[in-house]
């Protein structure tokens, strides 16, 4: 059985979709959800779906080996960042080289980097008058949104597009494609 550990910072709709997608899978399972926010809704979603869930603080993540040790204990074949906003520490990237992926709500390399997440991305895309946007699933490196691109999906923007309407389109792309890309990545 191939094992996935999810990292998320917020409500966890993508994490829930991934957990549900693999719930009855014959050889892939989500074994753990980790969050840097103790009150993040993703922790409740994971618990309700019978997946172990824990939160951690900045010290446990960056200044000690606590999170790294927990990851090693859980032996993930893949670490998936699903709305996780902190930069991954070098120690985790080195320990799980080539086994960490992230989803970004724009077509990288455009609209990526520090501070470009969620509504900030959609506001920038709409303000720039872009004709399309989308999602990018990429490998994680020590820099925000710089890893090799694994997959992109696009959606057209209308003249009446708002950041809120664009966010809804992007979420639909995420829900549709993210679990499938994870499955393909694990089966390569």
C-alpha atoms as a PDB file:
ATOM      1  CA  UNK A   1       0.000   0.000   0.000  1.00  0.00           C
ATOM      2  CA  UNK A   2       1.385   3.398  -1.028  1.00  0.00           C
ATOM      3  CA  UNK A   3       1.084   6.032   1.674  1.00  0.00           C
ATOM      4  CA  UNK A   4       0.194   9.734   1.352  1.00  0.00           C
ATOM      5  CA  UNK A   5       0.685  12.432   3.980  1.00  0.00           C
ATOM      6  CA  UNK A   6      -1.227  15.668   3.391  1.00  0.00           C
ATOM      7  CA  UNK A   7      -0.224  19.129   4.625  1.00  0.00           C
ATOM      8  CA  UNK A   8      -2.899  21.848   4.695  1.00  0.00           C
ATOM      9  CA  UNK A   9      -3.396  25.223   6.376  1.00  0.00           C
ATOM     10  CA  UNK A  10      -7.073  25.976   5.936  1.00  0.00           C
ATOM     11  CA  UNK A  11     -10.518  24.549   5.411  1.00  0.00           C
ATOM     12  CA  UNK A  12      -9.252  21.419   3.717  1.00  0.00           C
ATOM     13  CA  UNK A  13     -11.642  20.969   0.814  1.00  0.00           C
ATOM     14  CA  UNK A  14      -8.829  19.668  -1.407  1.00  0.00           C
ATOM     15  CA  UNK A  15      -7.602  17.395   1.379  1.00  0.00           C
ATOM     16  CA  UNK A  16     -11.117  16.024   1.839  1.00  0.00           C
ATOM     17  CA  UNK A  17     -11.450  15.387  -1.895  1.00  0.00           C
ATOM     18  CA  UNK A  18      -8.119  13.519  -1.913  1.00  0.00           C
ATOM     19  CA  UNK A  19      -9.021  11.431   1.158  1.00  0.00           C
ATOM     20  CA  UNK A  20     -12.392  10.510  -0.344  1.00  0.00           C
ATOM     21  CA  UNK A  21     -10.840   9.693  -3.726  1.00  0.00           C
ATOM     22  CA  UNK A  22      -8.441   7.170  -2.155  1.00  0.00           C
ATOM     23  CA  UNK A  23     -10.822   5.894   0.559  1.00  0.00           C
ATOM     24  CA  UNK A  24     -11.515   2.551  -1.146  1.00  0.00           C
ATOM     25  CA  UNK A  25      -8.401   2.467  -3.346  1.00  0.00           C
ATOM     26  CA  UNK A  26      -6.719  -0.910  -3.495  1.00  0.00           C
ATOM     27  CA  UNK A  27      -3.116   0.295  -3.177  1.00  0.00           C
ATOM     28  CA  UNK A  28      -3.028   3.984  -2.181  1.00  0.00           C
ATOM     29  CA  UNK A  29      -4.136   5.480   1.144  1.00  0.00           C
ATOM     30  CA  UNK A  30      -3.972   8.795   2.981  1.00  0.00           C
ATOM     31  CA  UNK A  31      -2.424   7.996   6.358  1.00  0.00           C
ATOM     32  CA  UNK A  32      -1.959  11.411   7.960  1.00  0.00           C
ATOM     33  CA  UNK A  33      -3.016  15.055   7.710  1.00  0.00           C
ATOM     34  CA  UNK A  34      -0.774  17.746   9.195  1.00  0.00           C
ATOM     35  CA  UNK A  35      -1.562  21.427   9.665  1.00  0.00           C
ATOM     36  CA  UNK A  36       0.316  24.448  10.920  1.00  0.00           C
ATOM     37  CA  UNK A  37      -2.944  25.841  12.337  1.00  0.00           C
ATOM     38  CA  UNK A  38      -4.405  24.065  15.393  1.00  0.00           C
ATOM     39  CA  UNK A  39      -7.941  25.276  14.615  1.00  0.00           C
ATOM     40  CA  UNK A  40      -7.818  24.580  10.863  1.00  0.00           C
ATOM     41  CA  UNK A  41     -10.995  22.952   9.595  1.00  0.00           C
ATOM     42  CA  UNK A  42      -8.881  20.424   7.676  1.00  0.00           C
ATOM     43  CA  UNK A  43      -8.093  18.679  10.977  1.00  0.00           C
ATOM     44  CA  UNK A  44     -11.804  18.192  11.689  1.00  0.00           C
ATOM     45  CA  UNK A  45     -12.429  16.950   8.148  1.00  0.00           C
ATOM     46  CA  UNK A  46      -9.601  14.408   8.424  1.00  0.00           C
ATOM     47  CA  UNK A  47     -10.776  13.143  11.814  1.00  0.00           C
ATOM     48  CA  UNK A  48     -14.336  12.798  10.535  1.00  0.00           C
ATOM     49  CA  UNK A  49     -12.972  10.771   7.583  1.00  0.00           C
ATOM     50  CA  UNK A  50     -10.986   8.562  10.002  1.00  0.00           C
ATOM     51  CA  UNK A  51      -7.526   9.834   9.040  1.00  0.00           C
ATOM     52  CA  UNK A  52      -5.023  10.742  11.772  1.00  0.00           C
ATOM     53  CA  UNK A  53      -4.595  14.498  12.035  1.00  0.00           C
ATOM     54  CA  UNK A  54      -2.161  16.666  13.976  1.00  0.00           C
ATOM     55  CA  UNK A  55      -1.150  20.301  14.143  1.00  0.00           C
ATOM     56  CA  UNK A  56       2.324  21.662  14.720  1.00  0.00           C
ATOM     57  CA  UNK A  57       3.898  25.029  15.395  1.00  0.00           C
ATOM     58  CA  UNK A  58       6.713  26.913  13.698  1.00  0.00           C
ATOM     59  CA  UNK A  59       9.312  25.599  16.181  1.00  0.00           C
ATOM     60  CA  UNK A  60       8.359  21.959  15.555  1.00  0.00           C
ATOM     61  CA  UNK A  61       8.560  22.551  11.802  1.00  0.00           C
ATOM     62  CA  UNK A  62      11.654  24.707  11.389  1.00  0.00           C
ATOM     63  CA  UNK A  63      13.714  24.517  14.578  1.00  0.00           C
ATOM     64  CA  UNK A  64      13.448  20.871  15.585  1.00  0.00           C
ATOM     65  CA  UNK A  65      13.065  17.484  13.948  1.00  0.00           C
ATOM     66  CA  UNK A  66       9.568  16.839  15.361  1.00  0.00           C
ATOM     67  CA  UNK A  67       7.668  17.057  12.050  1.00  0.00           C
ATOM     68  CA  UNK A  68      10.453  15.311  10.151  1.00  0.00           C
ATOM     69  CA  UNK A  69      10.460  12.491  12.726  1.00  0.00           C
ATOM     70  CA  UNK A  70       6.667  12.147  12.428  1.00  0.00           C
ATOM     71  CA  UNK A  71       6.988  11.928   8.660  1.00  0.00           C
ATOM     72  CA  UNK A  72       9.706   9.277   8.892  1.00  0.00           C
ATOM     73  CA  UNK A  73       7.531   7.308  11.318  1.00  0.00           C
ATOM     74  CA  UNK A  74       4.636   7.368   8.813  1.00  0.00           C
ATOM     75  CA  UNK A  75       6.845   6.419   5.825  1.00  0.00           C
ATOM     76  CA  UNK A  76       5.004   8.359   3.103  1.00  0.00           C
ATOM     77  CA  UNK A  77       5.535   7.464  -0.528  1.00  0.00           C
ATOM     78  CA  UNK A  78       4.265  10.961  -1.305  1.00  0.00           C
ATOM     79  CA  UNK A  79       3.809  14.194   0.633  1.00  0.00           C
ATOM     80  CA  UNK A  80       1.058  16.381  -0.814  1.00  0.00           C
ATOM     81  CA  UNK A  81       0.700  20.074  -0.034  1.00  0.00           C
ATOM     82  CA  UNK A  82      -2.985  20.910  -0.412  1.00  0.00           C
ATOM     83  CA  UNK A  83      -3.299  24.546   0.543  1.00  0.00           C
ATOM     84  CA  UNK A  84      -0.262  24.573   2.813  1.00  0.00           C
ATOM     85  CA  UNK A  85       1.278  28.037   3.018  1.00  0.00           C
ATOM     86  CA  UNK A  86       4.656  27.596   4.709  1.00  0.00           C
ATOM     87  CA  UNK A  87       7.865  26.958   2.797  1.00  0.00           C
ATOM     88  CA  UNK A  88       9.030  23.376   3.355  1.00  0.00           C
ATOM     89  CA  UNK A  89      12.255  23.111   5.389  1.00  0.00           C
ATOM     90  CA  UNK A  90      15.379  21.873   3.666  1.00  0.00           C
ATOM     91  CA  UNK A  91      15.567  18.869   6.029  1.00  0.00           C
ATOM     92  CA  UNK A  92      12.167  17.557   4.866  1.00  0.00           C
ATOM     93  CA  UNK A  93      12.895  18.260   1.201  1.00  0.00           C
ATOM     94  CA  UNK A  94      16.183  16.348   1.453  1.00  0.00           C
ATOM     95  CA  UNK A  95      14.650  13.426   3.369  1.00  0.00           C
ATOM     96  CA  UNK A  96      11.814  13.082   0.845  1.00  0.00           C
ATOM     97  CA  UNK A  97      13.504  14.267  -2.337  1.00  0.00           C
ATOM     98  CA  UNK A  98      11.257  13.847  -5.376  1.00  0.00           C
ATOM     99  CA  UNK A  99       8.330  12.833  -3.147  1.00  0.00           C
ATOM    100  CA  UNK A 100       6.703  16.195  -2.359  1.00  0.00           C
ATOM    101  CA  UNK A 101       4.167  17.894  -4.614  1.00  0.00           C
ATOM    102  CA  UNK A 102       2.062  21.042  -4.357  1.00  0.00           C
ATOM    103  CA  UNK A 103      -0.922  22.561  -6.126  1.00  0.00           C
ATOM    104  CA  UNK A 104      -0.938  26.231  -7.100  1.00  0.00           C
ATOM    105  CA  UNK A 105      -4.059  28.153  -8.195  1.00  0.00           C
ATOM    106  CA  UNK A 106      -2.523  29.712 -11.318  1.00  0.00           C
ATOM    107  CA  UNK A 107      -0.541  28.767 -14.393  1.00  0.00           C
ATOM    108  CA  UNK A 108       3.038  28.867 -13.155  1.00  0.00           C
ATOM    109  CA  UNK A 109       5.512  30.411 -13.617  1.00  0.00           C
ATOM    110  CA  UNK A 110       3.084  33.363 -13.680  1.00  0.00           C
ATOM    111  CA  UNK A 111       1.496  34.450 -10.398  1.00  0.00           C
ATOM    112  CA  UNK A 112       3.733  32.331  -8.197  1.00  0.00           C
ATOM    113  CA  UNK A 113       6.095  32.969  -5.328  1.00  0.00           C
ATOM    114  CA  UNK A 114       5.862  34.195  -1.759  1.00  0.00           C
ATOM    115  CA  UNK A 115       2.543  35.813  -0.947  1.00  0.00           C
ATOM    116  CA  UNK A 116       0.827  34.475  -4.063  1.00  0.00           C
ATOM    117  CA  UNK A 117      -1.833  32.156  -2.706  1.00  0.00           C
ATOM    118  CA  UNK A 118      -5.624  31.923  -2.680  1.00  0.00           C
ATOM    119  CA  UNK A 119      -7.494  35.150  -3.303  1.00  0.00           C
ATOM    120  CA  UNK A 120      -4.235  37.093  -3.803  1.00  0.00           C
ATOM    121  CA  UNK A 121      -3.586  35.062  -6.956  1.00  0.00           C
ATOM    122  CA  UNK A 122      -7.133  35.437  -8.313  1.00  0.00           C
ATOM    123  CA  UNK A 123      -7.144  39.186  -7.651  1.00  0.00           C
ATOM    124  CA  UNK A 124      -3.844  39.590  -9.523  1.00  0.00           C
ATOM    125  CA  UNK A 125      -4.984  37.467 -12.475  1.00  0.00           C
ATOM    126  CA  UNK A 126      -8.268  39.383 -12.864  1.00  0.00           C
ATOM    127  CA  UNK A 127      -6.572  42.785 -12.383  1.00  0.00           C
ATOM    128  CA  UNK A 128      -4.075  41.934 -15.131  1.00  0.00           C
ATOM    129  CA  UNK A 129      -6.898  41.198 -17.570  1.00  0.00           C
ATOM    130  CA  UNK A 130      -5.697  37.677 -18.270  1.00  0.00           C
ATOM    131  CA  UNK A 131      -7.713  35.601 -20.754  1.00  0.00           C
ATOM    132  CA  UNK A 132      -7.083  32.340 -18.880  1.00  0.00           C
ATOM    133  CA  UNK A 133      -5.902  30.943 -15.590  1.00  0.00           C
ATOM    134  CA  UNK A 134      -5.766  27.475 -14.095  1.00  0.00           C
ATOM    135  CA  UNK A 135      -3.931  25.158 -11.782  1.00  0.00           C
ATOM    136  CA  UNK A 136      -0.373  23.913 -11.657  1.00  0.00           C
ATOM    137  CA  UNK A 137       0.733  20.784  -9.832  1.00  0.00           C
ATOM    138  CA  UNK A 138       4.477  20.826  -9.309  1.00  0.00           C
ATOM    139  CA  UNK A 139       7.297  19.266  -7.346  1.00  0.00           C
ATOM    140  CA  UNK A 140       8.342  21.137  -4.206  1.00  0.00           C
ATOM    141  CA  UNK A 141      11.780  22.684  -3.842  1.00  0.00           C
ATOM    142  CA  UNK A 142      13.317  25.075  -1.342  1.00  0.00           C
ATOM    143  CA  UNK A 143      11.747  28.025  -3.203  1.00  0.00           C
ATOM    144  CA  UNK A 144       8.047  28.819  -3.519  1.00  0.00           C
ATOM    145  CA  UNK A 145       6.514  27.502  -6.757  1.00  0.00           C
ATOM    146  CA  UNK A 146       9.819  26.745  -8.523  1.00  0.00           C
ATOM    147  CA  UNK A 147       9.707  22.939  -8.799  1.00  0.00           C
ATOM    148  CA  UNK A 148       9.226  20.989 -12.010  1.00  0.00           C
ATOM    149  CA  UNK A 149       5.716  21.281 -13.401  1.00  0.00           C
ATOM    150  CA  UNK A 150       3.896  17.939 -13.455  1.00  0.00           C
ATOM    151  CA  UNK A 151       0.490  19.052 -14.721  1.00  0.00           C
ATOM    152  CA  UNK A 152      -1.521  22.127 -15.678  1.00  0.00           C
ATOM    153  CA  UNK A 153      -5.211  22.611 -16.455  1.00  0.00           C
ATOM    154  CA  UNK A 154      -6.706  25.838 -17.795  1.00  0.00           C
ATOM    155  CA  UNK A 155      -9.970  27.747 -17.627  1.00  0.00           C
ATOM    156  CA  UNK A 156     -11.050  30.782 -19.637  1.00  0.00           C
ATOM    157  CA  UNK A 157     -11.860  34.069 -17.949  1.00  0.00           C
ATOM    158  CA  UNK A 158     -14.929  36.030 -18.986  1.00  0.00           C
ATOM    159  CA  UNK A 159     -15.098  39.807 -19.297  1.00  0.00           C
ATOM    160  CA  UNK A 160     -17.235  39.809 -16.137  1.00  0.00           C
ATOM    161  CA  UNK A 161     -14.826  37.597 -14.166  1.00  0.00           C
ATOM    162  CA  UNK A 162     -14.266  38.461 -10.520  1.00  0.00           C
ATOM    163  CA  UNK A 163     -11.729  36.985  -8.095  1.00  0.00           C
ATOM    164  CA  UNK A 164     -14.607  35.113  -6.407  1.00  0.00           C
ATOM    165  CA  UNK A 165     -15.966  33.604  -9.638  1.00  0.00           C
ATOM    166  CA  UNK A 166     -12.443  32.700 -10.747  1.00  0.00           C
ATOM    167  CA  UNK A 167     -11.776  31.008  -7.386  1.00  0.00           C
ATOM    168  CA  UNK A 168     -14.842  28.801  -7.941  1.00  0.00           C
ATOM    169  CA  UNK A 169     -13.560  27.755 -11.385  1.00  0.00           C
ATOM    170  CA  UNK A 170     -10.110  27.016  -9.972  1.00  0.00           C
ATOM    171  CA  UNK A 171     -11.559  24.893  -7.147  1.00  0.00           C
ATOM    172  CA  UNK A 172     -13.441  22.792  -9.700  1.00  0.00           C
ATOM    173  CA  UNK A 173     -10.184  22.167 -11.593  1.00  0.00           C
ATOM    174  CA  UNK A 174      -8.431  21.253  -8.340  1.00  0.00           C
ATOM    175  CA  UNK A 175     -11.134  18.794  -7.267  1.00  0.00           C
ATOM    176  CA  UNK A 176     -11.217  17.180 -10.702  1.00  0.00           C
ATOM    177  CA  UNK A 177      -7.506  16.851 -11.404  1.00  0.00           C
ATOM    178  CA  UNK A 178      -5.476  16.813  -8.161  1.00  0.00           C
ATOM    179  CA  UNK A 179      -6.394  13.277  -6.982  1.00  0.00           C
ATOM    180  CA  UNK A 180      -5.844  11.872 -10.490  1.00  0.00           C
ATOM    181  CA  UNK A 181      -2.421  13.492 -10.812  1.00  0.00           C
ATOM    182  CA  UNK A 182      -1.469  12.118  -7.375  1.00  0.00           C
ATOM    183  CA  UNK A 183      -2.542   8.638  -8.466  1.00  0.00           C
ATOM    184  CA  UNK A 184      -0.584   8.890 -11.721  1.00  0.00           C
ATOM    185  CA  UNK A 185       2.493  10.181  -9.870  1.00  0.00           C
ATOM    186  CA  UNK A 186       2.386   7.274  -7.403  1.00  0.00           C
ATOM    187  CA  UNK A 187       1.902   4.687 -10.149  1.00  0.00           C
ATOM    188  CA  UNK A 188       4.771   5.825 -12.386  1.00  0.00           C
END
